[in-house]
Amino acid sequence: MTEFEEVPEFSNDLKKLYRKHKSIYSDLQTFEKALVVKLPGYLPGTKHISNLGKNIEIPIYKVTHFRCASLKGKGVRSGIRIIYTYIQNKQKIVLIEIYHKNKQENHNRDRIIKYCENQS
């Protein structure tokens, strides 16, 4: 069975998003269920993040199609982004970052690199 884990910064990001988007926790649960069904493949709107450095061996993914019920009429174009990694040999998905693209232009490279270095 696939296990989910959140880095502490992810939990803080989620709390900040909850203030404006009250359905974010249930939306995240729906996302997790859909992700488990698709593994080891990807959900539509998922991109592999490259150019993190030669030391990063864990595959990191960015989800750009995240459905948020609080944003009526937007569907998967909610603007919410999720950064995660899938560690296949441990059957574990680690949620690294969640943000809205209006508040943050791109993913936090430093956070991703810090996480990957801690895994080594």
C-alpha atoms as a PDB file:
ATOM      1  CA  MET A   1       0.000   0.000   0.000  1.00  0.00           C
ATOM      2  CA  THR A   2       1.237   3.455  -0.860  1.00  0.00           C
ATOM      3  CA  GLU A   3       2.101   5.660   2.086  1.00  0.00           C
ATOM      4  CA  PHE A   4       1.812   9.473   2.060  1.00  0.00           C
ATOM      5  CA  GLU A   5       4.117  11.782   3.974  1.00  0.00           C
ATOM      6  CA  GLU A   6       4.209  15.573   4.214  1.00  0.00           C
ATOM      7  CA  VAL A   7       7.273  17.665   4.906  1.00  0.00           C
ATOM      8  CA  PRO A   8       6.617  20.210   7.715  1.00  0.00           C
ATOM      9  CA  GLU A   9       6.694  23.139   5.274  1.00  0.00           C
ATOM     10  CA  PHE A  10       3.957  21.472   3.202  1.00  0.00           C
ATOM     11  CA  SER A  11       1.654  21.404   6.236  1.00  0.00           C
ATOM     12  CA  ASN A  12       2.275  25.119   6.799  1.00  0.00           C
ATOM     13  CA  ASP A  13       1.542  25.879   3.133  1.00  0.00           C
ATOM     14  CA  LEU A  14      -1.677  23.876   3.372  1.00  0.00           C
ATOM     15  CA  LYS A  15      -2.846  25.838   6.426  1.00  0.00           C
ATOM     16  CA  LYS A  16      -2.242  29.120   4.577  1.00  0.00           C
ATOM     17  CA  LEU A  17      -4.254  27.934   1.574  1.00  0.00           C
ATOM     18  CA  TYR A  18      -7.060  26.725   3.868  1.00  0.00           C
ATOM     19  CA  ARG A  19      -7.768  30.298   4.975  1.00  0.00           C
ATOM     20  CA  LYS A  20      -8.956  31.163   1.477  1.00  0.00           C
ATOM     21  CA  HIS A  21      -9.896  27.748   0.063  1.00  0.00           C
ATOM     22  CA  LYS A  22     -11.932  25.875   2.689  1.00  0.00           C
ATOM     23  CA  SER A  23     -12.207  22.680   0.630  1.00  0.00           C
ATOM     24  CA  ILE A  24      -8.433  22.219   0.248  1.00  0.00           C
ATOM     25  CA  TYR A  25      -8.151  19.301   2.706  1.00  0.00           C
ATOM     26  CA  SER A  26     -10.884  17.245   1.033  1.00  0.00           C
ATOM     27  CA  ASP A  27      -9.519  18.216  -2.396  1.00  0.00           C
ATOM     28  CA  LEU A  28      -6.097  16.943  -1.344  1.00  0.00           C
ATOM     29  CA  GLN A  29      -7.602  13.617  -0.211  1.00  0.00           C
ATOM     30  CA  THR A  30      -9.290  13.242  -3.601  1.00  0.00           C
ATOM     31  CA  PHE A  31      -5.984  14.034  -5.317  1.00  0.00           C
ATOM     32  CA  GLU A  32      -4.165  11.422  -3.211  1.00  0.00           C
ATOM     33  CA  LYS A  33      -6.721   8.732  -4.114  1.00  0.00           C
ATOM     34  CA  ALA A  34      -6.429   9.550  -7.822  1.00  0.00           C
ATOM     35  CA  LEU A  35      -2.634   9.558  -7.630  1.00  0.00           C
ATOM     36  CA  VAL A  36      -2.514   6.097  -6.034  1.00  0.00           C
ATOM     37  CA  VAL A  37      -4.720   4.689  -8.802  1.00  0.00           C
ATOM     38  CA  LYS A  38      -2.385   6.042 -11.513  1.00  0.00           C
ATOM     39  CA  LEU A  39       0.943   4.957  -9.969  1.00  0.00           C
ATOM     40  CA  PRO A  40       3.578   4.341 -11.233  1.00  0.00           C
ATOM     41  CA  GLY A  41       2.184   6.524 -14.045  1.00  0.00           C
ATOM     42  CA  TYR A  42       1.171  10.161 -13.747  1.00  0.00           C
ATOM     43  CA  LEU A  43      -2.021  12.125 -13.568  1.00  0.00           C
ATOM     44  CA  PRO A  44      -2.785  14.478 -16.464  1.00  0.00           C
ATOM     45  CA  GLY A  45      -1.128  17.829 -15.861  1.00  0.00           C
ATOM     46  CA  THR A  46       1.883  16.325 -14.082  1.00  0.00           C
ATOM     47  CA  LYS A  47       5.352  17.382 -15.154  1.00  0.00           C
ATOM     48  CA  HIS A  48       8.777  16.070 -14.188  1.00  0.00           C
ATOM     49  CA  ILE A  49      10.941  18.839 -12.687  1.00  0.00           C
ATOM     50  CA  SER A  50      14.426  18.830 -14.138  1.00  0.00           C
ATOM     51  CA  ASN A  51      17.507  21.035 -13.709  1.00  0.00           C
ATOM     52  CA  LEU A  52      17.664  20.541  -9.947  1.00  0.00           C
ATOM     53  CA  GLY A  53      21.283  19.460 -10.061  1.00  0.00           C
ATOM     54  CA  LYS A  54      23.262  16.311 -10.678  1.00  0.00           C
ATOM     55  CA  ASN A  55      23.074  15.263  -7.020  1.00  0.00           C
ATOM     56  CA  ILE A  56      19.270  14.920  -7.141  1.00  0.00           C
ATOM     57  CA  GLU A  57      18.461  11.326  -8.053  1.00  0.00           C
ATOM     58  CA  ILE A  58      14.878  11.179  -6.748  1.00  0.00           C
ATOM     59  CA  PRO A  59      12.289  12.100  -9.413  1.00  0.00           C
ATOM     60  CA  ILE A  60      10.368  15.256  -8.465  1.00  0.00           C
ATOM     61  CA  TYR A  61       6.989  16.073 -10.028  1.00  0.00           C
ATOM     62  CA  LYS A  62       4.806  19.175 -10.305  1.00  0.00           C
ATOM     63  CA  VAL A  63       1.031  18.861 -10.599  1.00  0.00           C
ATOM     64  CA  THR A  64      -0.549  21.766 -12.459  1.00  0.00           C
ATOM     65  CA  HIS A  65      -4.064  20.321 -12.833  1.00  0.00           C
ATOM     66  CA  PHE A  66      -5.467  20.316  -9.294  1.00  0.00           C
ATOM     67  CA  ARG A  67      -9.223  20.543  -8.861  1.00  0.00           C
ATOM     68  CA  CYS A  68     -10.325  22.782  -5.987  1.00  0.00           C
ATOM     69  CA  ALA A  69     -14.033  22.788  -5.090  1.00  0.00           C
ATOM     70  CA  SER A  70     -13.728  26.226  -3.448  1.00  0.00           C
ATOM     71  CA  LEU A  71     -12.914  27.759  -6.831  1.00  0.00           C
ATOM     72  CA  LYS A  72     -16.249  27.326  -8.586  1.00  0.00           C
ATOM     73  CA  GLY A  73     -16.100  27.128 -12.354  1.00  0.00           C
ATOM     74  CA  LYS A  74     -12.327  26.679 -12.512  1.00  0.00           C
ATOM     75  CA  GLY A  75     -12.119  22.876 -12.544  1.00  0.00           C
ATOM     76  CA  VAL A  76      -8.535  21.659 -12.868  1.00  0.00           C
ATOM     77  CA  ARG A  77      -7.396  25.184 -13.726  1.00  0.00           C
ATOM     78  CA  SER A  78      -7.515  26.312 -10.117  1.00  0.00           C
ATOM     79  CA  GLY A  79      -3.950  27.638 -10.141  1.00  0.00           C
ATOM     80  CA  ILE A  80      -2.922  25.421  -7.233  1.00  0.00           C
ATOM     81  CA  ARG A  81       0.367  23.585  -7.694  1.00  0.00           C
ATOM     82  CA  ILE A  82       1.660  20.532  -5.818  1.00  0.00           C
ATOM     83  CA  ILE A  83       5.269  19.366  -5.764  1.00  0.00           C
ATOM     84  CA  TYR A  84       5.842  15.741  -4.767  1.00  0.00           C
ATOM     85  CA  THR A  85       8.180  12.801  -5.152  1.00  0.00           C
ATOM     86  CA  TYR A  86       7.396   9.119  -5.517  1.00  0.00           C
ATOM     87  CA  ILE A  87       9.895   6.726  -3.960  1.00  0.00           C
ATOM     88  CA  GLN A  88       8.990   3.529  -5.763  1.00  0.00           C
ATOM     89  CA  ASN A  89      11.052   1.016  -3.761  1.00  0.00           C
ATOM     90  CA  LYS A  90       9.435   2.231  -0.507  1.00  0.00           C
ATOM     91  CA  GLN A  91       5.965   2.745  -2.034  1.00  0.00           C
ATOM     92  CA  LYS A  92       5.968   6.257  -0.560  1.00  0.00           C
ATOM     93  CA  ILE A  93       4.795   9.612  -1.881  1.00  0.00           C
ATOM     94  CA  VAL A  94       6.233  12.668  -0.172  1.00  0.00           C
ATOM     95  CA  LEU A  95       4.357  15.942  -0.571  1.00  0.00           C
ATOM     96  CA  ILE A  96       6.949  18.712  -0.609  1.00  0.00           C
ATOM     97  CA  GLU A  97       5.144  21.925  -1.526  1.00  0.00           C
ATOM     98  CA  ILE A  98       1.685  23.309  -2.316  1.00  0.00           C
ATOM     99  CA  TYR A  99       1.044  26.856  -3.481  1.00  0.00           C
ATOM    100  CA  HIS A 100      -1.202  29.030  -5.624  1.00  0.00           C
ATOM    101  CA  LYS A 101       0.469  30.387  -8.735  1.00  0.00           C
ATOM    102  CA  ASN A 102      -0.849  33.912  -8.053  1.00  0.00           C
ATOM    103  CA  LYS A 103       1.017  34.010  -4.731  1.00  0.00           C
ATOM    104  CA  GLN A 104       4.217  32.295  -5.841  1.00  0.00           C
ATOM    105  CA  GLU A 105       5.592  32.271  -9.372  1.00  0.00           C
ATOM    106  CA  ASN A 106       7.359  28.914  -9.317  1.00  0.00           C
ATOM    107  CA  HIS A 107       8.346  26.037  -7.032  1.00  0.00           C
ATOM    108  CA  ASN A 108      10.894  26.572  -4.268  1.00  0.00           C
ATOM    109  CA  ARG A 109      14.078  24.955  -5.612  1.00  0.00           C
ATOM    110  CA  ASP A 110      15.870  25.379  -2.283  1.00  0.00           C
ATOM    111  CA  ARG A 111      13.167  23.444  -0.432  1.00  0.00           C
ATOM    112  CA  ILE A 112      13.244  20.615  -2.972  1.00  0.00           C
ATOM    113  CA  ILE A 113      17.035  20.382  -2.887  1.00  0.00           C
ATOM    114  CA  LYS A 114      17.038  20.507   0.928  1.00  0.00           C
ATOM    115  CA  TYR A 115      14.541  17.634   1.057  1.00  0.00           C
ATOM    116  CA  CYS A 116      16.522  15.543  -1.441  1.00  0.00           C
ATOM    117  CA  GLU A 117      19.785  16.105   0.439  1.00  0.00           C
ATOM    118  CA  ASN A 118      18.143  14.959   3.683  1.00  0.00           C
ATOM    119  CA  GLN A 119      17.069  11.729   1.958  1.00  0.00           C
ATOM    120  CA  SER A 120      20.625  10.836   0.949  1.00  0.00           C
END
